[in-house]
Amino acid sequence: MAPDDGTEWLLQLLSEIQLEQFYLRIRDELHVTRPSHFDYVKPVDLDRIGLGRPGQRRLEEALKRRRGQSQRPKSWVYKVSAGTLPSKGHAWGGQV
């Protein structure tokens, strides 16, 4: 069951939530090879491969956590609101 096509992230994700037995079914039957492919998977699809509702909830939560970690704010506005921009004059060589 070793991933050989760049889907090691999927096996790792499923292992973290103890659903690794669904790896081949999710990869081969649902054709999920990237995290974004889960956007097109419906609960009925997961039912069809034998994944029950509690497992579906665990999978959904794990995907949310993974997406939260991988998505970084791209806007400088986030840095300003978070207070991570350097104070006036220090980073750009300006005078205080």
PDB file of N, CA and C in Angstrom:
ATOM      1  N   MET A   1       0.824  -1.193   0.000  1.00  0.00           N
ATOM      2  CA  MET A   1       0.000   0.000   0.000  1.00  0.00           C
ATOM      3  C   MET A   1       0.866   1.254   0.000  1.00  0.00           C
ATOM      4  N   ALA A   2       2.105   1.127  -0.341  1.00  0.00           N
ATOM      5  CA  ALA A   2       2.986   2.294  -0.372  1.00  0.00           C
ATOM      6  C   ALA A   2       2.618   3.205  -1.536  1.00  0.00           C
ATOM      7  N   PRO A   3       2.503   4.501  -1.268  1.00  0.00           N
ATOM      8  CA  PRO A   3       2.167   5.428  -2.346  1.00  0.00           C
ATOM      9  C   PRO A   3       3.338   5.578  -3.307  1.00  0.00           C
ATOM     10  N   ASP A   4       3.033   5.529  -4.583  1.00  0.00           N
ATOM     11  CA  ASP A   4       4.091   5.631  -5.573  1.00  0.00           C
ATOM     12  C   ASP A   4       3.809   6.722  -6.596  1.00  0.00           C
ATOM     13  N   ASP A   5       2.759   7.476  -6.396  1.00  0.00           N
ATOM     14  CA  ASP A   5       2.363   8.459  -7.400  1.00  0.00           C
ATOM     15  C   ASP A   5       2.171   9.853  -6.813  1.00  0.00           C
ATOM     16  N   GLY A   6       2.895  10.162  -5.763  1.00  0.00           N
ATOM     17  CA  GLY A   6       2.786  11.491  -5.174  1.00  0.00           C
ATOM     18  C   GLY A   6       1.619  11.651  -4.219  1.00  0.00           C
ATOM     19  N   THR A   7       1.079  10.550  -3.745  1.00  0.00           N
ATOM     20  CA  THR A   7      -0.058  10.638  -2.826  1.00  0.00           C
ATOM     21  C   THR A   7       0.327  10.237  -1.405  1.00  0.00           C
ATOM     22  N   GLU A   8       1.606  10.363  -1.080  1.00  0.00           N
ATOM     23  CA  GLU A   8       2.022  10.032   0.284  1.00  0.00           C
ATOM     24  C   GLU A   8       1.338  10.933   1.308  1.00  0.00           C
ATOM     25  N   TRP A   9       0.992  12.160   0.911  1.00  0.00           N
ATOM     26  CA  TRP A   9       0.272  13.071   1.803  1.00  0.00           C
ATOM     27  C   TRP A   9      -1.071  12.464   2.208  1.00  0.00           C
ATOM     28  N   LEU A  10      -1.728  11.767   1.265  1.00  0.00           N
ATOM     29  CA  LEU A  10      -3.034  11.170   1.533  1.00  0.00           C
ATOM     30  C   LEU A  10      -2.904  10.025   2.525  1.00  0.00           C
ATOM     31  N   LEU A  11      -1.919   9.169   2.313  1.00  0.00           N
ATOM     32  CA  LEU A  11      -1.704   8.058   3.238  1.00  0.00           C
ATOM     33  C   LEU A  11      -1.348   8.579   4.625  1.00  0.00           C
ATOM     34  N   GLN A  12      -0.528   9.611   4.691  1.00  0.00           N
ATOM     35  CA  GLN A  12      -0.161  10.192   5.984  1.00  0.00           C
ATOM     36  C   GLN A  12      -1.386  10.780   6.677  1.00  0.00           C
ATOM     37  N   LEU A  13      -2.210  11.503   5.924  1.00  0.00           N
ATOM     38  CA  LEU A  13      -3.421  12.102   6.485  1.00  0.00           C
ATOM     39  C   LEU A  13      -4.355  11.030   7.022  1.00  0.00           C
ATOM     40  N   LEU A  14      -4.575   9.988   6.236  1.00  0.00           N
ATOM     41  CA  LEU A  14      -5.472   8.915   6.657  1.00  0.00           C
ATOM     42  C   LEU A  14      -4.899   8.152   7.847  1.00  0.00           C
ATOM     43  N   SER A  15      -3.587   7.988   7.891  1.00  0.00           N
ATOM     44  CA  SER A  15      -2.953   7.308   9.024  1.00  0.00           C
ATOM     45  C   SER A  15      -3.128   8.100  10.313  1.00  0.00           C
ATOM     46  N   GLU A  16      -3.048   9.419  10.214  1.00  0.00           N
ATOM     47  CA  GLU A  16      -3.201  10.271  11.397  1.00  0.00           C
ATOM     48  C   GLU A  16      -4.572  10.117  12.036  1.00  0.00           C
ATOM     49  N   ILE A  17      -5.577   9.819  11.221  1.00  0.00           N
ATOM     50  CA  ILE A  17      -6.941   9.695  11.751  1.00  0.00           C
ATOM     51  C   ILE A  17      -7.420   8.244  11.723  1.00  0.00           C
ATOM     52  N   GLN A  18      -6.472   7.319  11.594  1.00  0.00           N
ATOM     53  CA  GLN A  18      -6.714   5.880  11.644  1.00  0.00           C
ATOM     54  C   GLN A  18      -7.716   5.409  10.593  1.00  0.00           C
ATOM     55  N   LEU A  19      -7.581   5.934   9.382  1.00  0.00           N
ATOM     56  CA  LEU A  19      -8.430   5.519   8.267  1.00  0.00           C
ATOM     57  C   LEU A  19      -7.582   5.062   7.077  1.00  0.00           C
ATOM     58  N   GLU A  20      -6.362   4.602   7.359  1.00  0.00           N
ATOM     59  CA  GLU A  20      -5.467   4.232   6.264  1.00  0.00           C
ATOM     60  C   GLU A  20      -6.004   3.090   5.407  1.00  0.00           C
ATOM     61  N   GLN A  21      -6.943   2.305   5.936  1.00  0.00           N
ATOM     62  CA  GLN A  21      -7.508   1.210   5.144  1.00  0.00           C
ATOM     63  C   GLN A  21      -8.323   1.724   3.953  1.00  0.00           C
ATOM     64  N   PHE A  22      -8.655   3.009   3.938  1.00  0.00           N
ATOM     65  CA  PHE A  22      -9.416   3.591   2.830  1.00  0.00           C
ATOM     66  C   PHE A  22      -8.525   4.262   1.787  1.00  0.00           C
ATOM     67  N   TYR A  23      -7.222   4.178   1.984  1.00  0.00           N
ATOM     68  CA  TYR A  23      -6.291   4.855   1.073  1.00  0.00           C
ATOM     69  C   TYR A  23      -6.503   4.447  -0.386  1.00  0.00           C
ATOM     70  N   LEU A  24      -6.471   3.149  -0.656  1.00  0.00           N
ATOM     71  CA  LEU A  24      -6.597   2.690  -2.042  1.00  0.00           C
ATOM     72  C   LEU A  24      -7.954   3.036  -2.635  1.00  0.00           C
ATOM     73  N   ARG A  25      -9.006   2.924  -1.846  1.00  0.00           N
ATOM     74  CA  ARG A  25     -10.341   3.236  -2.360  1.00  0.00           C
ATOM     75  C   ARG A  25     -10.477   4.725  -2.678  1.00  0.00           C
ATOM     76  N   ILE A  26      -9.949   5.563  -1.798  1.00  0.00           N
ATOM     77  CA  ILE A  26     -10.037   7.010  -2.045  1.00  0.00           C
ATOM     78  C   ILE A  26      -9.188   7.383  -3.258  1.00  0.00           C
ATOM     79  N   ARG A  27      -8.010   6.809  -3.337  1.00  0.00           N
ATOM     80  CA  ARG A  27      -7.123   7.132  -4.457  1.00  0.00           C
ATOM     81  C   ARG A  27      -7.641   6.565  -5.778  1.00  0.00           C
ATOM     82  N   ASP A  28      -8.039   5.296  -5.783  1.00  0.00           N
ATOM     83  CA  ASP A  28      -8.377   4.631  -7.042  1.00  0.00           C
ATOM     84  C   ASP A  28      -9.834   4.796  -7.461  1.00  0.00           C
ATOM     85  N   GLU A  29     -10.763   4.711  -6.510  1.00  0.00           N
ATOM     86  CA  GLU A  29     -12.180   4.802  -6.871  1.00  0.00           C
ATOM     87  C   GLU A  29     -12.669   6.243  -6.951  1.00  0.00           C
ATOM     88  N   LEU A  30     -12.175   7.088  -6.040  1.00  0.00           N
ATOM     89  CA  LEU A  30     -12.604   8.488  -6.050  1.00  0.00           C
ATOM     90  C   LEU A  30     -11.621   9.380  -6.808  1.00  0.00           C
ATOM     91  N   HIS A  31     -10.481   8.825  -7.185  1.00  0.00           N
ATOM     92  CA  HIS A  31      -9.464   9.538  -7.974  1.00  0.00           C
ATOM     93  C   HIS A  31      -8.957  10.796  -7.273  1.00  0.00           C
ATOM     94  N   VAL A  32      -8.744  10.689  -5.974  1.00  0.00           N
ATOM     95  CA  VAL A  32      -8.202  11.808  -5.201  1.00  0.00           C
ATOM     96  C   VAL A  32      -6.685  11.663  -5.170  1.00  0.00           C
ATOM     97  N   THR A  33      -6.001  12.614  -5.789  1.00  0.00           N
ATOM     98  CA  THR A  33      -4.537  12.606  -5.781  1.00  0.00           C
ATOM     99  C   THR A  33      -3.961  13.917  -5.260  1.00  0.00           C
ATOM    100  N   ARG A  34      -4.826  14.898  -5.052  1.00  0.00           N
ATOM    101  CA  ARG A  34      -4.422  16.193  -4.499  1.00  0.00           C
ATOM    102  C   ARG A  34      -5.454  16.609  -3.456  1.00  0.00           C
ATOM    103  N   PRO A  35      -5.040  17.399  -2.475  1.00  0.00           N
ATOM    104  CA  PRO A  35      -6.009  17.846  -1.460  1.00  0.00           C
ATOM    105  C   PRO A  35      -7.207  18.576  -2.062  1.00  0.00           C
ATOM    106  N   SER A  36      -6.997  19.319  -3.124  1.00  0.00           N
ATOM    107  CA  SER A  36      -8.099  20.073  -3.729  1.00  0.00           C
ATOM    108  C   SER A  36      -9.148  19.164  -4.360  1.00  0.00           C
ATOM    109  N   HIS A  37      -8.788  17.923  -4.655  1.00  0.00           N
ATOM    110  CA  HIS A  37      -9.760  16.997  -5.235  1.00  0.00           C
ATOM    111  C   HIS A  37     -10.885  16.673  -4.256  1.00  0.00           C
ATOM    112  N   PHE A  38     -10.627  16.817  -2.956  1.00  0.00           N
ATOM    113  CA  PHE A  38     -11.679  16.562  -1.972  1.00  0.00           C
ATOM    114  C   PHE A  38     -12.818  17.574  -2.083  1.00  0.00           C
ATOM    115  N   ASP A  39     -12.583  18.694  -2.744  1.00  0.00           N
ATOM    116  CA  ASP A  39     -13.652  19.674  -2.949  1.00  0.00           C
ATOM    117  C   ASP A  39     -14.791  19.086  -3.765  1.00  0.00           C
ATOM    118  N   TYR A  40     -14.506  18.066  -4.547  1.00  0.00           N
ATOM    119  CA  TYR A  40     -15.503  17.474  -5.436  1.00  0.00           C
ATOM    120  C   TYR A  40     -16.055  16.150  -4.921  1.00  0.00           C
ATOM    121  N   VAL A  41     -15.587  15.703  -3.759  1.00  0.00           N
ATOM    122  CA  VAL A  41     -16.062  14.453  -3.173  1.00  0.00           C
ATOM    123  C   VAL A  41     -17.261  14.760  -2.289  1.00  0.00           C
ATOM    124  N   LYS A  42     -18.330  14.025  -2.501  1.00  0.00           N
ATOM    125  CA  LYS A  42     -19.564  14.209  -1.731  1.00  0.00           C
ATOM    126  C   LYS A  42     -19.684  13.099  -0.690  1.00  0.00           C
ATOM    127  N   PRO A  43     -20.463  13.342   0.364  1.00  0.00           N
ATOM    128  CA  PRO A  43     -20.655  12.294   1.378  1.00  0.00           C
ATOM    129  C   PRO A  43     -21.147  10.972   0.786  1.00  0.00           C
ATOM    130  N   VAL A  44     -21.979  11.036  -0.232  1.00  0.00           N
ATOM    131  CA  VAL A  44     -22.473   9.798  -0.845  1.00  0.00           C
ATOM    132  C   VAL A  44     -21.332   9.013  -1.491  1.00  0.00           C
ATOM    133  N   ASP A  45     -20.313   9.707  -1.996  1.00  0.00           N
ATOM    134  CA  ASP A  45     -19.143   9.030  -2.564  1.00  0.00           C
ATOM    135  C   ASP A  45     -18.393   8.273  -1.474  1.00  0.00           C
ATOM    136  N   LEU A  46     -18.247   8.912  -0.323  1.00  0.00           N
ATOM    137  CA  LEU A  46     -17.559   8.272   0.796  1.00  0.00           C
ATOM    138  C   LEU A  46     -18.387   7.123   1.352  1.00  0.00           C
ATOM    139  N   ASP A  47     -19.718   7.280   1.358  1.00  0.00           N
ATOM    140  CA  ASP A  47     -20.599   6.174   1.754  1.00  0.00           C
ATOM    141  C   ASP A  47     -20.381   4.981   0.832  1.00  0.00           C
ATOM    142  N   ARG A  48     -20.281   5.252  -0.453  1.00  0.00           N
ATOM    143  CA  ARG A  48     -20.155   4.198  -1.458  1.00  0.00           C
ATOM    144  C   ARG A  48     -18.885   3.361  -1.266  1.00  0.00           C
ATOM    145  N   ILE A  49     -17.809   3.977  -0.771  1.00  0.00           N
ATOM    146  CA  ILE A  49     -16.575   3.206  -0.559  1.00  0.00           C
ATOM    147  C   ILE A  49     -16.517   2.601   0.843  1.00  0.00           C
ATOM    148  N   GLY A  50     -17.579   2.799   1.629  1.00  0.00           N
ATOM    149  CA  GLY A  50     -17.658   2.168   2.937  1.00  0.00           C
ATOM    150  C   GLY A  50     -17.204   3.014   4.106  1.00  0.00           C
ATOM    151  N   LEU A  51     -16.950   4.276   3.887  1.00  0.00           N
ATOM    152  CA  LEU A  51     -16.518   5.166   4.966  1.00  0.00           C
ATOM    153  C   LEU A  51     -17.750   5.724   5.666  1.00  0.00           C
ATOM    154  N   GLY A  52     -17.916   5.377   6.938  1.00  0.00           N
ATOM    155  CA  GLY A  52     -19.081   5.804   7.710  1.00  0.00           C
ATOM    156  C   GLY A  52     -19.036   7.272   8.084  1.00  0.00           C
ATOM    157  N   ARG A  53     -20.147   7.738   8.643  1.00  0.00           N
ATOM    158  CA  ARG A  53     -20.265   9.161   8.999  1.00  0.00           C
ATOM    159  C   ARG A  53     -19.220   9.620  10.017  1.00  0.00           C
ATOM    160  N   PRO A  54     -18.946   8.848  11.072  1.00  0.00           N
ATOM    161  CA  PRO A  54     -17.898   9.312  12.001  1.00  0.00           C
ATOM    162  C   PRO A  54     -16.536   9.455  11.315  1.00  0.00           C
ATOM    163  N   GLY A  55     -16.206   8.527  10.436  1.00  0.00           N
ATOM    164  CA  GLY A  55     -14.956   8.610   9.687  1.00  0.00           C
ATOM    165  C   GLY A  55     -14.942   9.793   8.742  1.00  0.00           C
ATOM    166  N   GLN A  56     -16.098  10.074   8.152  1.00  0.00           N
ATOM    167  CA  GLN A  56     -16.201  11.226   7.257  1.00  0.00           C
ATOM    168  C   GLN A  56     -15.964  12.523   8.013  1.00  0.00           C
ATOM    169  N   ARG A  57     -16.493  12.595   9.235  1.00  0.00           N
ATOM    170  CA  ARG A  57     -16.277  13.801  10.046  1.00  0.00           C
ATOM    171  C   ARG A  57     -14.804  13.948  10.415  1.00  0.00           C
ATOM    172  N   ARG A  58     -14.159  12.839  10.784  1.00  0.00           N
ATOM    173  CA  ARG A  58     -12.727  12.897  11.110  1.00  0.00           C
ATOM    174  C   ARG A  58     -11.918  13.329   9.897  1.00  0.00           C
ATOM    175  N   LEU A  59     -12.273  12.808   8.736  1.00  0.00           N
ATOM    176  CA  LEU A  59     -11.573  13.176   7.506  1.00  0.00           C
ATOM    177  C   LEU A  59     -11.771  14.652   7.199  1.00  0.00           C
ATOM    178  N   GLU A  60     -12.984  15.128   7.350  1.00  0.00           N
ATOM    179  CA  GLU A  60     -13.273  16.544   7.084  1.00  0.00           C
ATOM    180  C   GLU A  60     -12.476  17.454   8.017  1.00  0.00           C
ATOM    181  N   GLU A  61     -12.429  17.112   9.294  1.00  0.00           N
ATOM    182  CA  GLU A  61     -11.667  17.919  10.254  1.00  0.00           C
ATOM    183  C   GLU A  61     -10.170  17.888   9.942  1.00  0.00           C
ATOM    184  N   ALA A  62      -9.656  16.728   9.580  1.00  0.00           N
ATOM    185  CA  ALA A  62      -8.231  16.617   9.244  1.00  0.00           C
ATOM    186  C   ALA A  62      -7.900  17.442   8.003  1.00  0.00           C
ATOM    187  N   LEU A  63      -8.796  17.444   7.034  1.00  0.00           N
ATOM    188  CA  LEU A  63      -8.576  18.254   5.828  1.00  0.00           C
ATOM    189  C   LEU A  63      -8.600  19.740   6.154  1.00  0.00           C
ATOM    190  N   LYS A  64      -9.495  20.145   7.045  1.00  0.00           N
ATOM    191  CA  LYS A  64      -9.539  21.556   7.450  1.00  0.00           C
ATOM    192  C   LYS A  64      -8.234  21.961   8.124  1.00  0.00           C
ATOM    193  N   ARG A  65      -7.741  21.097   9.016  1.00  0.00           N
ATOM    194  CA  ARG A  65      -6.474  21.394   9.695  1.00  0.00           C
ATOM    195  C   ARG A  65      -5.334  21.481   8.687  1.00  0.00           C
ATOM    196  N   ARG A  66      -5.301  20.553   7.749  1.00  0.00           N
ATOM    197  CA  ARG A  66      -4.230  20.540   6.742  1.00  0.00           C
ATOM    198  C   ARG A  66      -4.284  21.785   5.869  1.00  0.00           C
ATOM    199  N   ARG A  67      -5.472  22.163   5.457  1.00  0.00           N
ATOM    200  CA  ARG A  67      -5.615  23.355   4.618  1.00  0.00           C
ATOM    201  C   ARG A  67      -5.237  24.610   5.390  1.00  0.00           C
ATOM    202  N   GLY A  68      -5.552  24.639   6.667  1.00  0.00           N
ATOM    203  CA  GLY A  68      -5.199  25.785   7.492  1.00  0.00           C
ATOM    204  C   GLY A  68      -3.700  25.943   7.632  1.00  0.00           C
ATOM    205  N   GLN A  69      -2.986  24.825   7.683  1.00  0.00           N
ATOM    206  CA  GLN A  69      -1.532  24.877   7.801  1.00  0.00           C
ATOM    207  C   GLN A  69      -0.878  25.268   6.491  1.00  0.00           C
ATOM    208  N   SER A  70      -1.451  24.835   5.392  1.00  0.00           N
ATOM    209  CA  SER A  70      -0.804  25.075   4.106  1.00  0.00           C
ATOM    210  C   SER A  70      -1.142  26.433   3.515  1.00  0.00           C
ATOM    211  N   GLN A  71      -2.221  27.036   3.968  1.00  0.00           N
ATOM    212  CA  GLN A  71      -2.605  28.330   3.419  1.00  0.00           C
ATOM    213  C   GLN A  71      -1.988  29.441   4.249  1.00  0.00           C
ATOM    214  N   ARG A  72      -1.129  30.178   3.622  1.00  0.00           N
ATOM    215  CA  ARG A  72      -0.510  31.316   4.292  1.00  0.00           C
ATOM    216  C   ARG A  72      -1.096  32.581   3.704  1.00  0.00           C
ATOM    217  N   PRO A  73      -1.273  33.571   4.521  1.00  0.00           N
ATOM    218  CA  PRO A  73      -1.791  34.830   3.995  1.00  0.00           C
ATOM    219  C   PRO A  73      -0.817  35.426   2.986  1.00  0.00           C
ATOM    220  N   LYS A  74      -1.348  35.894   1.892  1.00  0.00           N
ATOM    221  CA  LYS A  74      -0.508  36.440   0.835  1.00  0.00           C
ATOM    222  C   LYS A  74      -0.511  37.956   0.832  1.00  0.00           C
ATOM    223  N   SER A  75      -1.362  38.534   1.595  1.00  0.00           N
ATOM    224  CA  SER A  75      -1.524  39.976   1.563  1.00  0.00           C
ATOM    225  C   SER A  75      -0.693  40.643   2.651  1.00  0.00           C
ATOM    226  N   TRP A  76      -0.155  41.788   2.345  1.00  0.00           N
ATOM    227  CA  TRP A  76       0.581  42.562   3.342  1.00  0.00           C
ATOM    228  C   TRP A  76      -0.360  43.088   4.415  1.00  0.00           C
ATOM    229  N   VAL A  77      -1.657  43.166   4.103  1.00  0.00           N
ATOM    230  CA  VAL A  77      -2.633  43.638   5.082  1.00  0.00           C
ATOM    231  C   VAL A  77      -2.652  42.713   6.290  1.00  0.00           C
ATOM    232  N   TYR A  78      -2.506  41.423   6.054  1.00  0.00           N
ATOM    233  CA  TYR A  78      -2.477  40.477   7.162  1.00  0.00           C
ATOM    234  C   TYR A  78      -1.302  40.786   8.083  1.00  0.00           C
ATOM    235  N   LYS A  79      -0.152  41.071   7.497  1.00  0.00           N
ATOM    236  CA  LYS A  79       1.026  41.362   8.305  1.00  0.00           C
ATOM    237  C   LYS A  79       0.828  42.619   9.133  1.00  0.00           C
ATOM    238  N   VAL A  80       0.180  43.616   8.556  1.00  0.00           N
ATOM    239  CA  VAL A  80      -0.079  44.850   9.289  1.00  0.00           C
ATOM    240  C   VAL A  80      -1.026  44.575  10.446  1.00  0.00           C
ATOM    241  N   SER A  81      -2.098  43.842  10.175  1.00  0.00           N
ATOM    242  CA  SER A  81      -3.082  43.579  11.226  1.00  0.00           C
ATOM    243  C   SER A  81      -2.520  42.672  12.307  1.00  0.00           C
ATOM    244  N   ALA A  82      -1.555  41.823  11.951  1.00  0.00           N
ATOM    245  CA  ALA A  82      -0.946  40.937  12.936  1.00  0.00           C
ATOM    246  C   ALA A  82       0.207  41.616  13.665  1.00  0.00           C
ATOM    247  N   GLY A  83       0.601  42.796  13.190  1.00  0.00           N
ATOM    248  CA  GLY A  83       1.679  43.533  13.847  1.00  0.00           C
ATOM    249  C   GLY A  83       3.055  42.976  13.555  1.00  0.00           C
ATOM    250  N   THR A  84       3.255  42.339  12.410  1.00  0.00           N
ATOM    251  CA  THR A  84       4.553  41.749  12.116  1.00  0.00           C
ATOM    252  C   THR A  84       5.427  42.607  11.218  1.00  0.00           C
ATOM    253  N   LEU A  85       4.911  43.706  10.725  1.00  0.00           N
ATOM    254  CA  LEU A  85       5.760  44.601   9.943  1.00  0.00           C
ATOM    255  C   LEU A  85       6.693  45.349  10.892  1.00  0.00           C
ATOM    256  N   PRO A  86       7.903  45.630  10.459  1.00  0.00           N
ATOM    257  CA  PRO A  86       8.843  46.348  11.321  1.00  0.00           C
ATOM    258  C   PRO A  86       8.327  47.748  11.638  1.00  0.00           C
ATOM    259  N   SER A  87       8.777  48.250  12.749  1.00  0.00           N
ATOM    260  CA  SER A  87       8.334  49.585  13.147  1.00  0.00           C
ATOM    261  C   SER A  87       8.940  50.633  12.223  1.00  0.00           C
ATOM    262  N   LYS A  88       8.436  51.815  12.300  1.00  0.00           N
ATOM    263  CA  LYS A  88       8.782  52.911  11.393  1.00  0.00           C
ATOM    264  C   LYS A  88      10.294  53.148  11.325  1.00  0.00           C
ATOM    265  N   GLY A  89      10.819  53.119  10.111  1.00  0.00           N
ATOM    266  CA  GLY A  89      12.197  53.496   9.878  1.00  0.00           C
ATOM    267  C   GLY A  89      13.243  52.428  10.119  1.00  0.00           C
ATOM    268  N   HIS A  90      12.942  51.361  10.769  1.00  0.00           N
ATOM    269  CA  HIS A  90      13.973  50.401  11.130  1.00  0.00           C
ATOM    270  C   HIS A  90      14.343  49.452   9.996  1.00  0.00           C
ATOM    271  N   ALA A  91      13.420  48.981   9.226  1.00  0.00           N
ATOM    272  CA  ALA A  91      13.747  47.984   8.206  1.00  0.00           C
ATOM    273  C   ALA A  91      14.110  48.611   6.880  1.00  0.00           C
ATOM    274  N   TRP A  92      13.630  49.811   6.608  1.00  0.00           N
ATOM    275  CA  TRP A  92      13.846  50.389   5.293  1.00  0.00           C
ATOM    276  C   TRP A  92      14.926  51.471   5.311  1.00  0.00           C
ATOM    277  N   GLY A  93      15.621  51.579   6.372  1.00  0.00           N
ATOM    278  CA  GLY A  93      16.717  52.525   6.448  1.00  0.00           C
ATOM    279  C   GLY A  93      16.281  53.963   6.663  1.00  0.00           C
ATOM    280  N   GLY A  94      15.022  54.155   6.943  1.00  0.00           N
ATOM    281  CA  GLY A  94      14.525  55.509   7.189  1.00  0.00           C
ATOM    282  C   GLY A  94      14.929  55.998   8.563  1.00  0.00           C
ATOM    283  N   GLN A  95      14.743  57.272   8.782  1.00  0.00           N
ATOM    284  CA  GLN A  95      15.097  57.838  10.077  1.00  0.00           C
ATOM    285  C   GLN A  95      13.903  57.774  11.012  1.00  0.00           C
ATOM    286  N   VAL A  96      14.227  57.658  12.271  1.00  0.00           N
ATOM    287  CA  VAL A  96      13.181  57.594  13.293  1.00  0.00           C
ATOM    288  C   VAL A  96      12.865  58.965  13.795  1.00  0.00           C
TER     289      VAL A  96
END
